[in-house]
Structure formats: C-alpha cells, structure tokens
Protein backbone atom coordinates (compact mmCIF):
# COMPACT_ATOMS: atom_id res chain seq x y z
CA MET A 1 140.85 208.97 156.93
CA THR A 2 143.82 209.09 158.65
CA ASP A 3 143.41 209.83 162.75
CA MET A 4 145.47 213.13 161.48
CA GLU A 5 143.40 214.37 158.60
CA ARG A 6 140.20 213.49 161.03
CA GLN A 7 142.05 215.81 163.32
CA ILE A 8 142.62 218.57 160.98
CA LEU A 9 138.43 217.78 159.66
CA ASP A 10 137.65 218.21 163.65
CA THR A 11 139.49 221.69 163.89
CA LEU A 12 138.39 223.09 160.52
CA VAL A 13 134.67 222.21 161.86
CA GLU A 14 135.15 223.95 164.90
CA LEU A 15 137.05 226.99 163.13
CA ASP A 16 133.52 227.26 160.91
CA ARG A 17 131.21 227.03 163.75
CA THR A 18 133.27 229.72 166.29
CA VAL A 19 133.54 232.00 163.30
CA ALA A 20 129.94 231.51 162.21
CA ALA A 21 129.14 232.07 166.03
CA LEU A 22 131.30 235.61 166.32
CA ALA A 23 128.64 238.09 165.32
CA THR A 24 126.70 236.78 168.59
CA ALA A 25 129.21 235.70 171.05
CA SER A 26 130.21 237.63 174.00
CA PRO A 27 133.23 237.78 174.90
CA ARG A 28 134.40 237.07 171.43
CA PRO A 29 136.31 233.98 170.96
CA SER A 30 140.31 233.85 169.71
CA LEU A 31 140.67 231.80 166.78
CA LEU A 32 144.07 231.97 166.88
CA PRO A 33 144.32 228.76 169.01
CA LEU A 34 142.77 227.10 166.03
CA PHE A 35 144.98 228.42 163.54
CA THR A 36 148.27 227.48 165.83
CA ARG A 37 146.48 223.88 166.08
CA LEU A 38 145.56 223.59 162.22
CA ASP A 39 149.27 224.75 161.54
CA GLN A 40 150.67 222.29 163.99
CA LEU A 41 149.09 219.54 162.83
CA THR A 42 149.86 220.23 158.71
CA ALA A 43 153.58 220.65 160.24
CA THR A 44 152.91 216.94 161.26
CA LEU A 45 151.36 215.39 158.42
CA PRO A 46 153.37 212.59 156.63
CA SER A 47 155.09 212.81 153.55
CA ALA A 48 152.82 210.67 151.91
CA THR A 49 149.72 213.07 152.47
CA GLU A 50 147.43 213.67 149.57
CA PRO A 51 149.27 216.90 147.81
CA LEU A 52 146.39 218.55 147.32
CA LEU A 53 145.07 218.60 151.03
CA LEU A 54 148.69 219.65 152.15
CA HIS A 55 148.53 222.54 149.26
CA TYR A 56 145.06 224.04 150.23
CA LEU A 57 146.86 223.66 154.33
CA GLN A 58 149.86 225.18 153.20
CA LYS A 59 147.73 228.11 151.74
CA LYS A 60 145.34 228.29 154.42
CA SER A 61 142.31 227.72 152.33
CA TYR A 62 140.86 226.07 155.02
CA GLN A 63 136.72 225.59 153.40
CA LYS A 64 138.88 224.07 150.69
CA ALA A 65 140.77 222.09 153.07
CA ARG A 66 137.73 220.55 154.75
CA LEU A 67 135.65 220.30 151.65
CA PHE A 68 138.10 217.33 150.46
CA LEU A 69 138.29 216.14 153.65
CA GLU A 70 134.49 215.76 153.58
CA GLY A 71 135.08 213.88 149.70
CA ARG A 72 133.96 217.32 148.32
CA ASP A 73 136.44 218.46 146.96
CA ALA A 74 134.45 218.93 143.45
CA GLU A 75 132.41 222.02 145.35
CA ASN A 76 135.62 223.71 145.53
CA GLN A 77 136.40 226.62 142.77
CA THR A 78 139.70 227.36 141.13
CA GLY A 79 141.60 229.51 143.57
CA SER A 80 143.98 232.58 142.76
CA CYS A 81 147.18 231.17 143.33
CA ARG A 82 146.64 229.30 139.98
CA HIS A 83 148.40 226.06 141.79
CA VAL A 84 152.13 226.96 141.87
CA ASP A 85 154.97 225.26 143.74
CA ASN A 86 157.23 226.39 146.02
CA GLU A 87 159.45 227.74 143.14
CA GLY A 88 156.64 229.24 141.13
CA ARG A 89 156.37 226.28 138.56
CA PRO A 90 153.15 225.24 137.62
CA TRP A 91 151.49 222.27 140.65
CA LYS A 92 149.71 219.11 139.32
CA PRO A 93 148.21 217.11 141.93
CA GLY A 94 150.62 213.89 142.75
CA VAL A 95 153.30 215.10 140.60
CA THR A 96 156.74 216.21 143.10
CA PRO A 97 159.21 218.49 141.79
C-alpha cells in the first residue's frame, strides 16, 4: 500500500467512525471536510493506481474503496453502475481504452 492509499484508507475509516457517531453526536459533525479530503486525495493519485480503486473512489463508493484497501474486495457486491467507463463502454479492471 502506498502512502497515498494509506491516507485514503485512514480518511475512509474516519468517515465511517464519524457517520456511526452522527446519531448521538451533539453538535453534529460536518462530513464535508472528509468528502473534500477524499476528493483531493483521489485527484492526486498517480495514473498507475489500481483501476478498480480509482473506479470506487470516482463513483464515491467509499465503503467499497475501504474494503478494497483493507484487502477485502471479495466482500464487495456488484453495484448498479454495471462498471462502465466514462464513454459508457464496459469497464474491465486493468484494461484502459
């Protein structure tokens, strides 16, 4: 795992903890800084980043991204996006158009 991926995973874990605490937190914390941080980190990932991780992050599938980074991608269920690229073509991990 790269340092950048570690930062993303740490932010995703923090997001999970913050969401879990929302029901009882007073005052309620803002999730916006965490979402902003994830967007910033995603934008700076190198082009050699695992395509499936990029897909999860770009689609805001943060739970899937967290499981992937934890080595638990097999637990991820197929989403509704049908894994298509930006042009609507079927998307396959490791294959670039």
